[in-house]
Amino acid sequence: MSDSVYDRYGRPVVVGFVVVLAGLSVASAYLRVSSAGLAAAGDALISLYIAGVVVWGTFREGYDTARFRIALYGVLVLWGSADLIAGSEGALPYLFLIGGLLLIARESYAHAGARDDPAESD
């Protein structure tokens, strides 16, 4: 077992920071919905999704996996979709939506290629 300085002190600090930020994200989503009503529901759901993905990555999955990256890239798709549904007419929602979809496709393709690589199974 490794007893590096990061394992002893750094990891608990990172985990604590992630938990605090996730808590702030949940509180922010609640305050947004309570002050703006259903108009802020999309943004609140996206905030909750981000908090959930980061907490999941911290405690369960790890940050260096294809599933985590795909879930994180999904945030871009959600942001772009929510902005387009809300009626935003700028280029940024399209950039988020298309960019997120391309990142998901690239990560999925790379993950499927690595899984099907016959050189790795020998």
Protein backbone atom coordinates (compact mmCIF):
# COMPACT_ATOMS: atom_id res chain seq x y z
CA MET A 1 0.00 0.00 0.00
CA SER A 2 1.26 3.41 -0.93
CA ASP A 3 1.84 5.88 1.88
CA SER A 4 2.54 8.98 -0.17
CA VAL A 5 1.81 12.48 1.04
CA TYR A 6 -1.09 12.69 -1.41
CA ASP A 7 -2.67 9.46 -0.15
CA ARG A 8 -2.35 10.57 3.44
CA TYR A 9 -3.37 14.25 3.18
CA GLY A 10 -4.25 15.21 -0.39
CA ARG A 11 -7.01 12.73 -1.17
CA PRO A 12 -9.08 13.57 1.95
CA VAL A 13 -8.76 17.28 1.14
CA VAL A 14 -9.91 16.70 -2.45
CA VAL A 15 -12.81 14.52 -1.30
CA GLY A 16 -13.84 17.13 1.28
CA PHE A 17 -13.67 19.88 -1.32
CA VAL A 18 -15.81 17.85 -3.74
CA VAL A 19 -18.41 17.18 -1.04
CA VAL A 20 -18.56 20.89 -0.11
CA LEU A 21 -18.94 21.93 -3.75
CA ALA A 22 -21.64 19.32 -4.34
CA GLY A 23 -23.49 20.59 -1.29
CA LEU A 24 -23.24 24.16 -2.56
CA SER A 25 -24.51 23.01 -5.95
CA VAL A 26 -27.55 21.35 -4.38
CA ALA A 27 -28.25 24.43 -2.23
CA SER A 28 -27.86 26.68 -5.26
CA ALA A 29 -30.30 24.57 -7.27
CA TYR A 30 -32.84 24.72 -4.45
CA LEU A 31 -32.50 28.50 -4.08
CA ARG A 32 -32.77 29.02 -7.83
CA VAL A 33 -35.99 27.04 -8.08
CA SER A 34 -37.45 28.59 -4.94
CA SER A 35 -36.79 32.14 -6.19
CA ALA A 36 -37.44 31.79 -9.93
CA GLY A 37 -39.89 28.89 -9.95
CA LEU A 38 -40.10 26.40 -12.78
CA ALA A 39 -38.26 28.74 -15.13
CA ALA A 40 -35.03 27.77 -13.36
CA ALA A 41 -35.80 24.05 -13.20
CA GLY A 42 -33.60 23.21 -16.19
CA ASP A 43 -30.56 24.97 -14.75
CA ALA A 44 -31.21 23.42 -11.35
CA LEU A 45 -31.40 19.91 -12.82
CA ILE A 46 -28.16 20.46 -14.70
CA SER A 47 -26.47 21.65 -11.49
CA LEU A 48 -27.71 18.55 -9.67
CA TYR A 49 -26.49 16.33 -12.53
CA ILE A 50 -23.03 17.91 -12.42
CA ALA A 51 -22.84 17.48 -8.64
CA GLY A 52 -23.97 13.87 -8.96
CA VAL A 53 -21.44 13.05 -11.68
CA VAL A 54 -18.54 14.58 -9.77
CA VAL A 55 -19.49 12.86 -6.51
CA TRP A 56 -19.93 9.57 -8.40
CA GLY A 57 -16.51 10.04 -10.00
CA THR A 58 -14.92 10.83 -6.65
CA PHE A 59 -16.35 7.99 -4.60
CA ARG A 60 -17.19 5.26 -7.07
CA GLU A 61 -15.89 5.49 -10.62
CA GLY A 62 -12.73 7.55 -10.65
CA TYR A 63 -11.95 10.43 -12.95
CA ASP A 64 -9.86 8.55 -15.50
CA THR A 65 -12.53 6.30 -16.98
CA ALA A 66 -14.46 6.50 -20.21
CA ARG A 67 -17.82 6.32 -18.42
CA PHE A 68 -16.96 9.31 -16.24
CA ARG A 69 -15.77 11.39 -19.19
CA ILE A 70 -18.88 10.54 -21.21
CA ALA A 71 -21.11 11.50 -18.29
CA LEU A 72 -19.17 14.74 -17.87
CA TYR A 73 -19.39 15.57 -21.59
CA GLY A 74 -23.13 15.04 -21.24
CA VAL A 75 -23.16 18.24 -19.20
CA LEU A 76 -22.29 20.20 -22.34
CA VAL A 77 -25.16 18.57 -24.21
CA LEU A 78 -27.55 19.33 -21.37
CA TRP A 79 -26.43 22.97 -21.13
CA GLY A 80 -26.79 23.48 -24.87
CA SER A 81 -30.18 21.78 -24.94
CA ALA A 82 -31.49 23.74 -21.94
CA ASP A 83 -30.37 27.04 -23.47
CA LEU A 84 -31.99 26.20 -26.81
CA ILE A 85 -35.23 25.15 -25.12
CA ALA A 86 -35.19 28.40 -23.12
CA GLY A 87 -34.98 30.32 -26.39
CA SER A 88 -31.36 31.46 -26.44
CA GLU A 89 -30.38 32.64 -29.90
CA GLY A 90 -26.62 32.84 -29.55
CA ALA A 91 -24.00 30.53 -30.95
CA LEU A 92 -22.89 29.23 -27.54
CA PRO A 93 -25.78 26.77 -27.02
CA TYR A 94 -25.10 25.24 -30.43
CA LEU A 95 -21.39 25.07 -29.63
CA PHE A 96 -22.12 23.29 -26.34
CA LEU A 97 -24.61 20.90 -27.91
CA ILE A 98 -22.55 19.97 -30.97
CA GLY A 99 -19.23 20.02 -29.10
CA GLY A 100 -20.61 17.81 -26.34
CA LEU A 101 -22.04 15.34 -28.82
CA LEU A 102 -18.73 15.20 -30.70
CA LEU A 103 -16.79 14.64 -27.47
CA ILE A 104 -19.17 11.86 -26.45
CA ALA A 105 -18.84 10.25 -29.89
CA ARG A 106 -15.04 10.51 -29.79
CA GLU A 107 -14.80 9.03 -26.30
CA SER A 108 -17.26 6.25 -27.14
CA TYR A 109 -15.35 5.39 -30.31
CA ALA A 110 -11.99 5.40 -28.50
CA HIS A 111 -13.38 3.27 -25.68
CA ALA A 112 -14.96 0.75 -28.08
CA GLY A 113 -11.74 0.59 -30.12
CA ALA A 114 -9.63 -0.07 -27.04
CA ARG A 115 -12.05 -2.75 -25.85
CA ASP A 116 -12.10 -4.54 -29.23
CA ASP A 117 -8.34 -4.34 -29.82
CA PRO A 118 -7.11 -7.92 -30.38
CA ALA A 119 -3.53 -6.96 -29.49
CA GLU A 120 -4.61 -6.26 -25.91
CA SER A 121 -6.32 -9.62 -25.46
CA ASP A 122 -3.16 -11.66 -26.14
